[in-house]
């Protein structure tokens, strides 16, 4: 998607799921800059989240979650952010 396509679509930001795992993060940040929320999931392991934090955590929001989006009271709830 180009900046022109972004303007036509009317989106101000992007939610990029698993972009670290699939090496797609630059495609989002090149168009949306700092207006990207990256989500990495626990079934891919914590390493992808750690790498994303090291690479982009100071520029965009990076979130680690359990794929089922469980409530905090659930024993398998996962959440972290950088």
C-alpha atoms as a PDB file:
ATOM      1  CA  UNK A   1       0.000   0.000   0.000  1.00  0.00           C
ATOM      2  CA  UNK A   2       1.357   3.393  -0.915  1.00  0.00           C
ATOM      3  CA  UNK A   3       0.765   6.639   0.960  1.00  0.00           C
ATOM      4  CA  UNK A   4      -1.704   7.599  -1.740  1.00  0.00           C
ATOM      5  CA  UNK A   5      -3.636   4.355  -1.248  1.00  0.00           C
ATOM      6  CA  UNK A   6      -3.588   4.958   2.512  1.00  0.00           C
ATOM      7  CA  UNK A   7      -5.177   8.361   2.030  1.00  0.00           C
ATOM      8  CA  UNK A   8      -7.798   6.870  -0.257  1.00  0.00           C
ATOM      9  CA  UNK A   9      -8.572   4.088   2.238  1.00  0.00           C
ATOM     10  CA  UNK A  10      -8.959   6.663   5.016  1.00  0.00           C
ATOM     11  CA  UNK A  11      -6.989   4.841   7.733  1.00  0.00           C
ATOM     12  CA  UNK A  12      -4.887   6.824  10.191  1.00  0.00           C
ATOM     13  CA  UNK A  13      -3.085   3.850  11.715  1.00  0.00           C
ATOM     14  CA  UNK A  14      -2.444   0.131  11.270  1.00  0.00           C
ATOM     15  CA  UNK A  15      -2.695  -2.902  13.533  1.00  0.00           C
ATOM     16  CA  UNK A  16       0.008  -5.300  12.404  1.00  0.00           C
ATOM     17  CA  UNK A  17      -0.424  -8.826  13.727  1.00  0.00           C
ATOM     18  CA  UNK A  18       2.675 -11.012  13.764  1.00  0.00           C
ATOM     19  CA  UNK A  19       4.643  -8.711  11.504  1.00  0.00           C
ATOM     20  CA  UNK A  20       7.863  -9.717  13.297  1.00  0.00           C
ATOM     21  CA  UNK A  21       7.172 -13.391  12.657  1.00  0.00           C
ATOM     22  CA  UNK A  22       6.414 -12.799   8.965  1.00  0.00           C
ATOM     23  CA  UNK A  23       8.956  -9.988   8.385  1.00  0.00           C
ATOM     24  CA  UNK A  24       6.274  -7.485   7.331  1.00  0.00           C
ATOM     25  CA  UNK A  25       6.772  -4.671   9.856  1.00  0.00           C
ATOM     26  CA  UNK A  26       8.623  -2.323   7.536  1.00  0.00           C
ATOM     27  CA  UNK A  27       5.688  -2.434   5.108  1.00  0.00           C
ATOM     28  CA  UNK A  28       3.479  -0.970   7.844  1.00  0.00           C
ATOM     29  CA  UNK A  29       5.906   1.533   9.351  1.00  0.00           C
ATOM     30  CA  UNK A  30       6.987   2.842   5.948  1.00  0.00           C
ATOM     31  CA  UNK A  31       3.418   3.988   5.331  1.00  0.00           C
ATOM     32  CA  UNK A  32       2.041   4.684   8.825  1.00  0.00           C
ATOM     33  CA  UNK A  33       5.245   5.713  10.589  1.00  0.00           C
ATOM     34  CA  UNK A  34       4.757   5.711  14.370  1.00  0.00           C
ATOM     35  CA  UNK A  35       1.029   5.056  13.967  1.00  0.00           C
ATOM     36  CA  UNK A  36       1.353   1.266  14.076  1.00  0.00           C
ATOM     37  CA  UNK A  37       0.292  -1.131  16.827  1.00  0.00           C
ATOM     38  CA  UNK A  38       2.185  -4.385  16.504  1.00  0.00           C
ATOM     39  CA  UNK A  39       0.795  -7.526  18.140  1.00  0.00           C
ATOM     40  CA  UNK A  40       2.866 -10.649  18.639  1.00  0.00           C
ATOM     41  CA  UNK A  41       1.164 -13.795  19.978  1.00  0.00           C
ATOM     42  CA  UNK A  42       2.264 -16.288  22.609  1.00  0.00           C
ATOM     43  CA  UNK A  43       1.941 -19.338  20.369  1.00  0.00           C
ATOM     44  CA  UNK A  44       4.921 -17.996  18.410  1.00  0.00           C
ATOM     45  CA  UNK A  45       6.929 -17.743  21.627  1.00  0.00           C
ATOM     46  CA  UNK A  46       8.210 -14.731  23.503  1.00  0.00           C
ATOM     47  CA  UNK A  47      11.315 -14.375  21.295  1.00  0.00           C
ATOM     48  CA  UNK A  48       9.431 -12.627  18.479  1.00  0.00           C
ATOM     49  CA  UNK A  49       8.053 -10.124  20.978  1.00  0.00           C
ATOM     50  CA  UNK A  50      11.502  -9.510  22.462  1.00  0.00           C
ATOM     51  CA  UNK A  51      13.008  -8.979  19.041  1.00  0.00           C
ATOM     52  CA  UNK A  52      10.175  -6.620  18.064  1.00  0.00           C
ATOM     53  CA  UNK A  53      10.720  -4.602  21.250  1.00  0.00           C
ATOM     54  CA  UNK A  54      14.439  -4.334  20.525  1.00  0.00           C
ATOM     55  CA  UNK A  55      13.870  -3.280  16.927  1.00  0.00           C
ATOM     56  CA  UNK A  56      10.780  -1.056  17.142  1.00  0.00           C
ATOM     57  CA  UNK A  57       9.674  -0.720  20.762  1.00  0.00           C
ATOM     58  CA  UNK A  58      10.964   2.837  21.034  1.00  0.00           C
ATOM     59  CA  UNK A  59       9.091   3.898  17.882  1.00  0.00           C
ATOM     60  CA  UNK A  60       5.739   2.056  17.936  1.00  0.00           C
ATOM     61  CA  UNK A  61       3.506   0.188  20.382  1.00  0.00           C
ATOM     62  CA  UNK A  62       4.381  -3.503  20.563  1.00  0.00           C
ATOM     63  CA  UNK A  63       2.040  -5.840  22.444  1.00  0.00           C
ATOM     64  CA  UNK A  64       2.396  -9.491  23.444  1.00  0.00           C
ATOM     65  CA  UNK A  65      -0.902 -11.362  23.875  1.00  0.00           C
ATOM     66  CA  UNK A  66      -2.381 -14.803  24.067  1.00  0.00           C
ATOM     67  CA  UNK A  67      -4.144 -15.537  20.791  1.00  0.00           C
ATOM     68  CA  UNK A  68      -7.464 -16.256  22.521  1.00  0.00           C
ATOM     69  CA  UNK A  69      -7.424 -12.795  24.186  1.00  0.00           C
ATOM     70  CA  UNK A  70      -8.252 -14.243  27.565  1.00  0.00           C
ATOM     71  CA  UNK A  71      -9.233 -12.137  30.569  1.00  0.00           C
ATOM     72  CA  UNK A  72      -6.591 -11.305  33.185  1.00  0.00           C
ATOM     73  CA  UNK A  73      -8.208 -13.721  35.642  1.00  0.00           C
ATOM     74  CA  UNK A  74      -7.626 -16.691  33.302  1.00  0.00           C
ATOM     75  CA  UNK A  75      -4.571 -18.837  34.096  1.00  0.00           C
ATOM     76  CA  UNK A  76      -3.350 -18.686  30.468  1.00  0.00           C
ATOM     77  CA  UNK A  77      -3.710 -14.919  30.090  1.00  0.00           C
ATOM     78  CA  UNK A  78      -0.660 -13.309  28.512  1.00  0.00           C
ATOM     79  CA  UNK A  79       0.035  -9.605  28.167  1.00  0.00           C
ATOM     80  CA  UNK A  80       3.135  -7.474  27.933  1.00  0.00           C
ATOM     81  CA  UNK A  81       3.951  -4.250  26.101  1.00  0.00           C
ATOM     82  CA  UNK A  82       6.990  -2.213  25.204  1.00  0.00           C
END
